[in-house]
Amino acid sequence: MVFRRAIMQGNFDSVLEPAQPGRTAKLTIRLKVALLPRDPSVAANPRAGQHPTHLANNMTQVRRGSVPDANGDPVACRSWLVHEWNAFKIQFKRIVEQTWDNQMILLPPDGAEDGLNDNDFLQLIGNPRIPAHVECALDIELMPGIAGSHAQIGVVHLASPDLSFRNFMHLISNDSAEMGSRVKDQWPGRRIYHVTAAHEVGHWLRDPSAKLYEHIDRAYAETLPADEQDDAQYGHVLSKRLAIMGSGNLATEYEAQPWLGRIRRHTGALFGWSMVHRANFAHMISTVSGRQQRLAQQPRI
């Protein structure tokens, strides 16, 4: 069959590039993001899509005010200078894509009974000596406005760098596109690195019927007393805490779900797909299946 090359949808778009000799198959999720420079002098409701904006050419034009964070705590903020805003947008796109990319590999079902006939399977072989696979990527397309966007994210500029602002998917801060780290009492001596903007973008990789893509341990957290749920949803075991949708930078099978959902629609093969991290895939290179060995001898159509 001919794979669906592009899928356009209200939650995000995706593009599948079949393999070519010397080039790996690649599945890219494209998220159209409207970043909105928050005006702190005007009340707003980010969750309802209300994002008053303001850019200042110099400090005399800067507006100031308090903006509630995810906990509802007011935090002193100021409006953005134009050159600061331009630099932030570049950094946001770069570090969010960098965090999500080059981690997730999708392995196809190996049996024809799972939906990939020989011609289909051949489209996923870029090198006959490497198992058929699909690389996953995230492309952030910054939009000039809300129209046509998948995600609308306000961005506050803190009045001073010592202030703390709890981000959420609709509202992030100027320091969210920097690498941060923390140590938790449960894992003493283990520093967990994270990029807040990449985590919040992850919430937008949702199913069309869902409001957001949940934290990695949300289901487990809901089994706990209410006062323990907030922290637990980021991961009650280290392997989950290290994940992007936990508190870290690691792409796990949970983070791969949006790509796994789309690869099924692009290829028509609904069962048998799996995700492996690139670091683990490097150890699988010599394990080429018998089916692939047979197909690799055939001329590509």
C-alpha atoms as a PDB file:
ATOM      1  CA  MET A   1       0.000   0.000   0.000  1.00  0.00           C
ATOM      2  CA  VAL A   2       0.998   3.642  -0.225  1.00  0.00           C
ATOM      3  CA  PHE A   3       1.595   5.081   3.220  1.00  0.00           C
ATOM      4  CA  ARG A   4      -0.294   8.229   4.130  1.00  0.00           C
ATOM      5  CA  ARG A   5       2.428  10.848   3.902  1.00  0.00           C
ATOM      6  CA  ALA A   6       0.685  13.616   5.856  1.00  0.00           C
ATOM      7  CA  ILE A   7      -2.105  13.755   8.424  1.00  0.00           C
ATOM      8  CA  MET A   8      -3.498  17.166   9.343  1.00  0.00           C
ATOM      9  CA  GLN A   9      -5.533  17.341  12.526  1.00  0.00           C
ATOM     10  CA  GLY A  10      -6.643  19.815  15.179  1.00  0.00           C
ATOM     11  CA  ASN A  11      -4.352  18.444  17.892  1.00  0.00           C
ATOM     12  CA  PHE A  12      -1.197  18.186  15.743  1.00  0.00           C
ATOM     13  CA  ASP A  13      -0.052  17.299  12.233  1.00  0.00           C
ATOM     14  CA  SER A  14       2.309  14.501  11.239  1.00  0.00           C
ATOM     15  CA  VAL A  15       4.451  13.570   8.245  1.00  0.00           C
ATOM     16  CA  LEU A  16       5.874  10.133   7.457  1.00  0.00           C
ATOM     17  CA  GLU A  17       8.907   9.906   5.174  1.00  0.00           C
ATOM     18  CA  PRO A  18       9.517   6.322   3.993  1.00  0.00           C
ATOM     19  CA  ALA A  19      13.078   5.030   3.999  1.00  0.00           C
ATOM     20  CA  GLN A  20      15.351   5.335   1.012  1.00  0.00           C
ATOM     21  CA  PRO A  21      18.722   3.674   0.486  1.00  0.00           C
ATOM     22  CA  GLY A  22      20.951   5.233   3.123  1.00  0.00           C
ATOM     23  CA  ARG A  23      18.091   7.229   4.682  1.00  0.00           C
ATOM     24  CA  THR A  24      15.998   6.093   7.634  1.00  0.00           C
ATOM     25  CA  ALA A  25      12.201   6.317   7.671  1.00  0.00           C
ATOM     26  CA  LYS A  26      11.098   9.263   9.793  1.00  0.00           C
ATOM     27  CA  LEU A  27       7.854  10.243  11.485  1.00  0.00           C
ATOM     28  CA  THR A  28       7.629  13.916  12.411  1.00  0.00           C
ATOM     29  CA  ILE A  29       4.918  15.398  14.578  1.00  0.00           C
ATOM     30  CA  ARG A  30       4.459  19.047  13.688  1.00  0.00           C
ATOM     31  CA  LEU A  31       2.967  21.201  16.422  1.00  0.00           C
ATOM     32  CA  LYS A  32       1.942  24.707  15.417  1.00  0.00           C
ATOM     33  CA  VAL A  33       2.584  26.874  18.462  1.00  0.00           C
ATOM     34  CA  ALA A  34       1.430  30.436  19.070  1.00  0.00           C
ATOM     35  CA  LEU A  35       3.763  31.963  21.664  1.00  0.00           C
ATOM     36  CA  LEU A  36       2.171  35.048  23.217  1.00  0.00           C
ATOM     37  CA  PRO A  37       4.194  37.683  25.158  1.00  0.00           C
ATOM     38  CA  ARG A  38       2.063  38.217  28.260  1.00  0.00           C
ATOM     39  CA  ASP A  39       1.025  41.716  29.300  1.00  0.00           C
ATOM     40  CA  PRO A  40       1.211  41.543  33.118  1.00  0.00           C
ATOM     41  CA  SER A  41      -0.760  44.722  33.630  1.00  0.00           C
ATOM     42  CA  VAL A  42      -3.994  43.197  32.313  1.00  0.00           C
ATOM     43  CA  ALA A  43      -5.995  40.388  33.924  1.00  0.00           C
ATOM     44  CA  ALA A  44      -6.380  37.261  31.808  1.00  0.00           C
ATOM     45  CA  ASN A  45      -7.593  33.685  31.814  1.00  0.00           C
ATOM     46  CA  PRO A  46      -4.996  31.566  29.956  1.00  0.00           C
ATOM     47  CA  ARG A  47      -7.010  28.365  30.291  1.00  0.00           C
ATOM     48  CA  ALA A  48      -9.851  30.082  28.443  1.00  0.00           C
ATOM     49  CA  GLY A  49      -7.526  31.333  25.720  1.00  0.00           C
ATOM     50  CA  GLN A  50      -7.304  34.909  27.007  1.00  0.00           C
ATOM     51  CA  HIS A  51      -3.716  36.092  26.530  1.00  0.00           C
ATOM     52  CA  PRO A  52      -3.316  39.896  26.553  1.00  0.00           C
ATOM     53  CA  THR A  53       0.034  40.692  24.958  1.00  0.00           C
ATOM     54  CA  HIS A  54       2.545  43.514  24.991  1.00  0.00           C
ATOM     55  CA  LEU A  55       6.062  44.110  23.673  1.00  0.00           C
ATOM     56  CA  ALA A  56       8.186  47.074  24.739  1.00  0.00           C
ATOM     57  CA  ASN A  57      10.850  48.734  22.627  1.00  0.00           C
ATOM     58  CA  ASN A  58      12.693  49.993  25.703  1.00  0.00           C
ATOM     59  CA  MET A  59      12.421  49.886  29.505  1.00  0.00           C
ATOM     60  CA  THR A  60      10.358  53.078  29.673  1.00  0.00           C
ATOM     61  CA  GLN A  61       7.572  51.257  27.793  1.00  0.00           C
ATOM     62  CA  VAL A  62       7.630  48.193  30.046  1.00  0.00           C
ATOM     63  CA  ARG A  63       4.416  47.345  31.894  1.00  0.00           C
ATOM     64  CA  ARG A  64       4.369  45.637  35.270  1.00  0.00           C
ATOM     65  CA  GLY A  65       1.944  43.573  37.308  1.00  0.00           C
ATOM     66  CA  SER A  66       1.330  40.285  39.096  1.00  0.00           C
ATOM     67  CA  VAL A  67       0.427  37.160  37.135  1.00  0.00           C
ATOM     68  CA  PRO A  68      -0.985  34.033  38.842  1.00  0.00           C
ATOM     69  CA  ASP A  69       1.031  30.883  38.233  1.00  0.00           C
ATOM     70  CA  ALA A  70      -0.284  27.305  38.044  1.00  0.00           C
ATOM     71  CA  ASN A  71      -0.883  27.312  41.815  1.00  0.00           C
ATOM     72  CA  GLY A  72      -2.736  30.620  41.655  1.00  0.00           C
ATOM     73  CA  ASP A  73       0.108  32.418  43.436  1.00  0.00           C
ATOM     74  CA  PRO A  74       0.663  35.977  42.156  1.00  0.00           C
ATOM     75  CA  VAL A  75       4.178  36.537  40.800  1.00  0.00           C
ATOM     76  CA  ALA A  76       5.662  39.927  39.895  1.00  0.00           C
ATOM     77  CA  CYS A  77       6.244  40.187  36.149  1.00  0.00           C
ATOM     78  CA  ARG A  78       7.066  42.752  33.499  1.00  0.00           C
ATOM     79  CA  SER A  79       6.429  42.890  29.775  1.00  0.00           C
ATOM     80  CA  TRP A  80       8.998  41.706  27.260  1.00  0.00           C
ATOM     81  CA  LEU A  81      11.472  43.834  25.345  1.00  0.00           C
ATOM     82  CA  VAL A  82      11.350  43.132  21.601  1.00  0.00           C
ATOM     83  CA  HIS A  83      14.904  41.799  21.386  1.00  0.00           C
ATOM     84  CA  GLU A  84      14.333  39.552  24.425  1.00  0.00           C
ATOM     85  CA  TRP A  85      11.214  38.116  22.856  1.00  0.00           C
ATOM     86  CA  ASN A  86      12.894  37.353  19.545  1.00  0.00           C
ATOM     87  CA  ALA A  87      15.731  35.571  21.336  1.00  0.00           C
ATOM     88  CA  PHE A  88      13.301  33.577  23.497  1.00  0.00           C
ATOM     89  CA  LYS A  89      11.355  32.276  20.496  1.00  0.00           C
ATOM     90  CA  ILE A  90      14.542  31.000  18.872  1.00  0.00           C
ATOM     91  CA  GLN A  91      15.665  29.329  22.092  1.00  0.00           C
ATOM     92  CA  PHE A  92      12.203  27.848  22.749  1.00  0.00           C
ATOM     93  CA  LYS A  93      12.016  26.113  19.381  1.00  0.00           C
ATOM     94  CA  ARG A  94      15.612  24.915  19.554  1.00  0.00           C
ATOM     95  CA  ILE A  95      15.556  23.394  23.031  1.00  0.00           C
ATOM     96  CA  VAL A  96      12.075  21.860  22.840  1.00  0.00           C
ATOM     97  CA  GLU A  97      12.916  20.066  19.602  1.00  0.00           C
ATOM     98  CA  GLN A  98      16.325  19.098  20.936  1.00  0.00           C
ATOM     99  CA  THR A  99      14.773  17.565  24.057  1.00  0.00           C
ATOM    100  CA  TRP A 100      12.261  15.418  22.175  1.00  0.00           C
ATOM    101  CA  ASP A 101      14.350  14.490  19.124  1.00  0.00           C
ATOM    102  CA  ASN A 102      16.930  11.733  18.670  1.00  0.00           C
ATOM    103  CA  GLN A 103      15.506   9.503  21.381  1.00  0.00           C
ATOM    104  CA  MET A 104      12.546   7.454  20.131  1.00  0.00           C
ATOM    105  CA  ILE A 105      12.757   4.642  17.576  1.00  0.00           C
ATOM    106  CA  LEU A 106       9.652   2.768  16.422  1.00  0.00           C
ATOM    107  CA  LEU A 107      10.020  -0.880  15.451  1.00  0.00           C
ATOM    108  CA  PRO A 108       7.424  -2.268  13.017  1.00  0.00           C
ATOM    109  CA  PRO A 109       5.573  -5.573  13.337  1.00  0.00           C
ATOM    110  CA  ASP A 110       7.634  -8.237  11.604  1.00  0.00           C
ATOM    111  CA  GLY A 111       4.822 -10.502  10.426  1.00  0.00           C
ATOM    112  CA  ALA A 112       2.753  -9.789   7.320  1.00  0.00           C
ATOM    113  CA  GLU A 113      -0.343 -10.853   9.271  1.00  0.00           C
ATOM    114  CA  ASP A 114       0.052  -7.682  11.407  1.00  0.00           C
ATOM    115  CA  GLY A 115      -0.674  -5.375   8.500  1.00  0.00           C
ATOM    116  CA  LEU A 116       2.619  -4.695   6.720  1.00  0.00           C
ATOM    117  CA  ASN A 117       3.036  -6.683   3.541  1.00  0.00           C
ATOM    118  CA  ASP A 118       6.474  -7.100   1.995  1.00  0.00           C
ATOM    119  CA  ASN A 119       6.278  -3.884  -0.022  1.00  0.00           C
ATOM    120  CA  ASP A 120       5.188  -1.968   3.071  1.00  0.00           C
ATOM    121  CA  PHE A 121       7.957  -3.436   5.187  1.00  0.00           C
ATOM    122  CA  LEU A 122      10.532  -2.616   2.541  1.00  0.00           C
ATOM    123  CA  GLN A 123       9.626   1.069   2.867  1.00  0.00           C
ATOM    124  CA  LEU A 124      11.001   0.987   6.424  1.00  0.00           C
ATOM    125  CA  ILE A 125      14.450  -0.376   5.522  1.00  0.00           C
ATOM    126  CA  GLY A 126      17.049   2.300   4.924  1.00  0.00           C
ATOM    127  CA  ASN A 127      20.045   0.013   5.425  1.00  0.00           C
ATOM    128  CA  PRO A 128      19.777  -3.772   4.958  1.00  0.00           C
ATOM    129  CA  ARG A 129      22.200  -4.318   7.858  1.00  0.00           C
ATOM    130  CA  ILE A 130      20.088  -2.318  10.326  1.00  0.00           C
ATOM    131  CA  PRO A 131      16.635  -3.476  11.513  1.00  0.00           C
ATOM    132  CA  ALA A 132      13.671  -1.769   9.866  1.00  0.00           C
ATOM    133  CA  HIS A 133      12.657   1.203  12.002  1.00  0.00           C
ATOM    134  CA  VAL A 134      11.195   4.690  12.065  1.00  0.00           C
ATOM    135  CA  GLU A 135      12.879   7.655  13.735  1.00  0.00           C
ATOM    136  CA  CYS A 136      10.632  10.024  15.701  1.00  0.00           C
ATOM    137  CA  ALA A 137      10.973  13.800  15.594  1.00  0.00           C
ATOM    138  CA  LEU A 138       9.107  16.853  16.829  1.00  0.00           C
ATOM    139  CA  ASP A 139       8.877  19.986  14.703  1.00  0.00           C
ATOM    140  CA  ILE A 140       7.752  23.185  16.438  1.00  0.00           C
ATOM    141  CA  GLU A 141       6.275  25.625  13.930  1.00  0.00           C
ATOM    142  CA  LEU A 142       6.005  29.058  15.529  1.00  0.00           C
ATOM    143  CA  MET A 143       2.883  30.814  14.304  1.00  0.00           C
ATOM    144  CA  PRO A 144       2.440  34.588  13.865  1.00  0.00           C
ATOM    145  CA  GLY A 145      -0.842  34.440  15.798  1.00  0.00           C
ATOM    146  CA  ILE A 146      -3.458  32.141  17.294  1.00  0.00           C
ATOM    147  CA  ALA A 147      -5.184  31.452  13.967  1.00  0.00           C
ATOM    148  CA  GLY A 148      -4.315  27.976  12.687  1.00  0.00           C
ATOM    149  CA  SER A 149      -2.300  27.028  15.769  1.00  0.00           C
ATOM    150  CA  HIS A 150      -2.531  23.764  17.695  1.00  0.00           C
ATOM    151  CA  ALA A 151      -1.168  25.232  20.927  1.00  0.00           C
ATOM    152  CA  GLN A 152      -1.537  28.703  22.433  1.00  0.00           C
ATOM    153  CA  ILE A 153       1.052  29.417  25.123  1.00  0.00           C
ATOM    154  CA  GLY A 154       1.402  32.697  26.996  1.00  0.00           C
ATOM    155  CA  VAL A 155       4.882  33.567  28.224  1.00  0.00           C
ATOM    156  CA  VAL A 156       5.523  35.811  31.221  1.00  0.00           C
ATOM    157  CA  HIS A 157       8.760  37.644  31.916  1.00  0.00           C
ATOM    158  CA  LEU A 158       9.572  37.536  35.623  1.00  0.00           C
ATOM    159  CA  ALA A 159      10.324  40.903  37.213  1.00  0.00           C
ATOM    160  CA  SER A 160      13.533  39.476  38.697  1.00  0.00           C
ATOM    161  CA  PRO A 161      15.439  36.211  38.161  1.00  0.00           C
ATOM    162  CA  ASP A 162      15.129  35.111  41.783  1.00  0.00           C
ATOM    163  CA  LEU A 163      11.347  34.697  41.548  1.00  0.00           C
ATOM    164  CA  SER A 164       9.688  31.296  41.262  1.00  0.00           C
ATOM    165  CA  PHE A 165       6.836  30.687  38.814  1.00  0.00           C
ATOM    166  CA  ARG A 166       5.075  27.343  38.429  1.00  0.00           C
ATOM    167  CA  ASN A 167       4.476  26.826  34.713  1.00  0.00           C
ATOM    168  CA  PHE A 168       1.556  25.040  33.074  1.00  0.00           C
ATOM    169  CA  MET A 169       0.682  24.192  29.486  1.00  0.00           C
ATOM    170  CA  HIS A 170      -1.093  27.517  28.837  1.00  0.00           C
ATOM    171  CA  LEU A 171       1.419  29.793  30.569  1.00  0.00           C
ATOM    172  CA  ILE A 172       5.185  29.495  30.927  1.00  0.00           C
ATOM    173  CA  SER A 173       7.962  31.824  32.077  1.00  0.00           C
ATOM    174  CA  ASN A 174      11.037  33.352  30.471  1.00  0.00           C
ATOM    175  CA  ASP A 175      13.346  30.848  32.191  1.00  0.00           C
ATOM    176  CA  SER A 176      11.364  27.782  31.026  1.00  0.00           C
ATOM    177  CA  ALA A 177      13.514  27.332  27.899  1.00  0.00           C
ATOM    178  CA  GLU A 178      16.700  26.790  29.908  1.00  0.00           C
ATOM    179  CA  MET A 179      18.091  23.539  31.246  1.00  0.00           C
ATOM    180  CA  GLY A 180      17.310  23.143  34.940  1.00  0.00           C
ATOM    181  CA  SER A 181      17.924  20.451  37.527  1.00  0.00           C
ATOM    182  CA  ARG A 182      16.686  19.324  40.896  1.00  0.00           C
ATOM    183  CA  VAL A 183      17.352  16.697  43.559  1.00  0.00           C
ATOM    184  CA  LYS A 184      14.511  14.814  45.258  1.00  0.00           C
ATOM    185  CA  ASP A 185      14.678  13.357  48.750  1.00  0.00           C
ATOM    186  CA  GLN A 186      13.551   9.958  47.402  1.00  0.00           C
ATOM    187  CA  TRP A 187      16.723   9.711  45.300  1.00  0.00           C
ATOM    188  CA  PRO A 188      19.497  11.466  47.232  1.00  0.00           C
ATOM    189  CA  GLY A 189      22.511  12.345  45.145  1.00  0.00           C
ATOM    190  CA  ARG A 190      20.640  11.819  41.845  1.00  0.00           C
ATOM    191  CA  ARG A 191      20.294  15.111  39.963  1.00  0.00           C
ATOM    192  CA  ILE A 192      17.354  15.179  37.555  1.00  0.00           C
ATOM    193  CA  TYR A 193      17.773  17.467  34.557  1.00  0.00           C
ATOM    194  CA  HIS A 194      14.772  18.969  32.824  1.00  0.00           C
ATOM    195  CA  VAL A 195      13.532  21.583  30.339  1.00  0.00           C
ATOM    196  CA  THR A 196      10.225  22.969  31.546  1.00  0.00           C
ATOM    197  CA  ALA A 197       9.120  24.233  28.113  1.00  0.00           C
ATOM    198  CA  ALA A 198       9.595  20.753  26.600  1.00  0.00           C
ATOM    199  CA  HIS A 199       7.446  19.237  29.356  1.00  0.00           C
ATOM    200  CA  GLU A 200       4.658  21.794  28.897  1.00  0.00           C
ATOM    201  CA  VAL A 201       4.698  21.318  25.122  1.00  0.00           C
ATOM    202  CA  GLY A 202       4.258  17.605  25.806  1.00  0.00           C
ATOM    203  CA  HIS A 203       0.856  18.329  27.333  1.00  0.00           C
ATOM    204  CA  TRP A 204      -0.262  19.577  23.897  1.00  0.00           C
ATOM    205  CA  LEU A 205       0.549  16.209  22.241  1.00  0.00           C
ATOM    206  CA  ARG A 206      -2.919  15.050  23.185  1.00  0.00           C
ATOM    207  CA  ASP A 207      -5.642  12.991  21.596  1.00  0.00           C
ATOM    208  CA  PRO A 208      -8.213  15.159  19.800  1.00  0.00           C
ATOM    209  CA  SER A 209     -10.832  14.275  22.415  1.00  0.00           C
ATOM    210  CA  ALA A 210      -8.592  15.069  25.406  1.00  0.00           C
ATOM    211  CA  LYS A 211      -7.791  18.413  26.985  1.00  0.00           C
ATOM    212  CA  LEU A 212      -4.154  17.482  27.547  1.00  0.00           C
ATOM    213  CA  TYR A 213      -1.593  14.697  27.517  1.00  0.00           C
ATOM    214  CA  GLU A 214      -1.353  13.727  31.168  1.00  0.00           C
ATOM    215  CA  HIS A 215       1.712  13.366  33.369  1.00  0.00           C
ATOM    216  CA  ILE A 216       3.397   9.986  33.177  1.00  0.00           C
ATOM    217  CA  ASP A 217       2.164   8.717  36.557  1.00  0.00           C
ATOM    218  CA  ARG A 218      -1.264  10.350  36.675  1.00  0.00           C
ATOM    219  CA  ALA A 219      -3.100   7.016  36.934  1.00  0.00           C
ATOM    220  CA  TYR A 220      -1.011   5.927  39.910  1.00  0.00           C
ATOM    221  CA  ALA A 221      -1.341   9.321  41.617  1.00  0.00           C
ATOM    222  CA  GLU A 222      -5.130   9.068  41.534  1.00  0.00           C
ATOM    223  CA  THR A 223      -4.933   6.026  43.833  1.00  0.00           C
ATOM    224  CA  LEU A 224      -3.284   8.129  46.564  1.00  0.00           C
ATOM    225  CA  PRO A 225      -4.692  10.609  49.101  1.00  0.00           C
ATOM    226  CA  ALA A 226      -5.389  14.005  47.531  1.00  0.00           C
ATOM    227  CA  ASP A 227      -2.464  15.737  49.220  1.00  0.00           C
ATOM    228  CA  GLU A 228       0.008  13.241  47.716  1.00  0.00           C
ATOM    229  CA  GLN A 229      -1.253  13.266  44.143  1.00  0.00           C
ATOM    230  CA  ASP A 230       0.399  16.411  42.846  1.00  0.00           C
ATOM    231  CA  ASP A 231       3.975  15.219  43.306  1.00  0.00           C
ATOM    232  CA  ALA A 232       3.328  11.534  42.578  1.00  0.00           C
ATOM    233  CA  GLN A 233       1.965  12.179  39.078  1.00  0.00           C
ATOM    234  CA  TYR A 234       5.482  13.202  37.985  1.00  0.00           C
ATOM    235  CA  GLY A 235       6.737   9.713  38.794  1.00  0.00           C
ATOM    236  CA  HIS A 236       6.751   7.659  41.988  1.00  0.00           C
ATOM    237  CA  VAL A 237       9.689   5.564  40.750  1.00  0.00           C
ATOM    238  CA  LEU A 238      12.919   6.953  39.335  1.00  0.00           C
ATOM    239  CA  SER A 239      12.438   5.551  35.826  1.00  0.00           C
ATOM    240  CA  LYS A 240       9.231   7.582  35.477  1.00  0.00           C
ATOM    241  CA  ARG A 241      10.532  10.650  37.315  1.00  0.00           C
ATOM    242  CA  LEU A 242      13.337  10.885  34.718  1.00  0.00           C
ATOM    243  CA  ALA A 243      10.840  11.007  31.826  1.00  0.00           C
ATOM    244  CA  ILE A 244       9.926  14.194  29.947  1.00  0.00           C
ATOM    245  CA  MET A 245       6.334  13.903  31.138  1.00  0.00           C
ATOM    246  CA  GLY A 246       7.690  13.280  34.625  1.00  0.00           C
ATOM    247  CA  SER A 247      10.372  15.700  35.765  1.00  0.00           C
ATOM    248  CA  GLY A 248      13.258  14.851  33.458  1.00  0.00           C
ATOM    249  CA  ASN A 249      14.447  14.742  29.845  1.00  0.00           C
ATOM    250  CA  LEU A 250      14.118  11.057  28.986  1.00  0.00           C
ATOM    251  CA  ALA A 251      11.731   9.903  26.262  1.00  0.00           C
ATOM    252  CA  THR A 252      10.111   6.643  27.343  1.00  0.00           C
ATOM    253  CA  GLU A 253       7.387   4.451  25.858  1.00  0.00           C
ATOM    254  CA  TYR A 254       4.880   6.808  27.468  1.00  0.00           C
ATOM    255  CA  GLU A 255       6.247   9.814  25.554  1.00  0.00           C
ATOM    256  CA  ALA A 256       6.151   7.731  22.363  1.00  0.00           C
ATOM    257  CA  GLN A 257       2.376   7.217  22.472  1.00  0.00           C
ATOM    258  CA  PRO A 258       1.516  10.148  20.155  1.00  0.00           C
ATOM    259  CA  TRP A 259       3.960   8.791  17.547  1.00  0.00           C
ATOM    260  CA  LEU A 260       2.758   5.210  17.998  1.00  0.00           C
ATOM    261  CA  GLY A 261      -0.811   6.368  17.445  1.00  0.00           C
ATOM    262  CA  ARG A 262       0.106   8.209  14.274  1.00  0.00           C
ATOM    263  CA  ILE A 263       2.336   5.511  12.759  1.00  0.00           C
ATOM    264  CA  ARG A 264      -0.639   3.150  12.880  1.00  0.00           C
ATOM    265  CA  ARG A 265      -2.723   5.639  10.922  1.00  0.00           C
ATOM    266  CA  HIS A 266       0.040   6.443   8.424  1.00  0.00           C
ATOM    267  CA  THR A 267       0.757   2.784   7.631  1.00  0.00           C
ATOM    268  CA  GLY A 268      -2.549   1.033   8.329  1.00  0.00           C
ATOM    269  CA  ALA A 269      -0.729  -1.517  10.520  1.00  0.00           C
ATOM    270  CA  LEU A 270      -2.637  -1.337  13.802  1.00  0.00           C
ATOM    271  CA  PHE A 271      -0.802  -3.928  15.879  1.00  0.00           C
ATOM    272  CA  GLY A 272       2.723  -4.959  16.757  1.00  0.00           C
ATOM    273  CA  TRP A 273       4.505  -1.595  16.845  1.00  0.00           C
ATOM    274  CA  SER A 274       6.923  -0.974  19.702  1.00  0.00           C
ATOM    275  CA  MET A 275       9.232   1.800  20.861  1.00  0.00           C
ATOM    276  CA  VAL A 276      12.876   1.492  21.836  1.00  0.00           C
ATOM    277  CA  HIS A 277      15.197   4.244  22.972  1.00  0.00           C
ATOM    278  CA  ARG A 278      17.965   5.121  20.529  1.00  0.00           C
ATOM    279  CA  ALA A 279      20.613   4.146  23.095  1.00  0.00           C
ATOM    280  CA  ASN A 280      19.147   0.631  23.280  1.00  0.00           C
ATOM    281  CA  PHE A 281      18.577   0.434  19.530  1.00  0.00           C
ATOM    282  CA  ALA A 282      22.324   0.789  19.020  1.00  0.00           C
ATOM    283  CA  HIS A 283      22.710  -2.666  20.603  1.00  0.00           C
ATOM    284  CA  MET A 284      20.145  -4.206  18.217  1.00  0.00           C
ATOM    285  CA  ILE A 285      21.801  -3.327  14.936  1.00  0.00           C
ATOM    286  CA  SER A 286      23.041  -6.864  14.302  1.00  0.00           C
ATOM    287  CA  THR A 287      19.622  -8.443  14.972  1.00  0.00           C
ATOM    288  CA  VAL A 288      18.151  -8.235  11.482  1.00  0.00           C
ATOM    289  CA  SER A 289      15.132 -10.501  11.022  1.00  0.00           C
ATOM    290  CA  GLY A 290      14.933 -13.274   8.470  1.00  0.00           C
ATOM    291  CA  ARG A 291      12.159 -11.416   6.691  1.00  0.00           C
ATOM    292  CA  GLN A 292      14.296  -8.328   6.298  1.00  0.00           C
ATOM    293  CA  GLN A 293      17.269 -10.338   5.079  1.00  0.00           C
ATOM    294  CA  ARG A 294      15.045 -11.791   2.356  1.00  0.00           C
ATOM    295  CA  LEU A 295      13.485  -8.454   1.386  1.00  0.00           C
ATOM    296  CA  ALA A 296      16.762  -6.587   1.363  1.00  0.00           C
ATOM    297  CA  GLN A 297      17.903  -8.775  -1.538  1.00  0.00           C
ATOM    298  CA  GLN A 298      15.004  -7.592  -3.684  1.00  0.00           C
ATOM    299  CA  PRO A 299      15.214  -4.461  -5.879  1.00  0.00           C
ATOM    300  CA  ARG A 300      13.334  -1.501  -4.424  1.00  0.00           C
ATOM    301  CA  ILE A 301      10.233  -0.638  -6.410  1.00  0.00           C
END
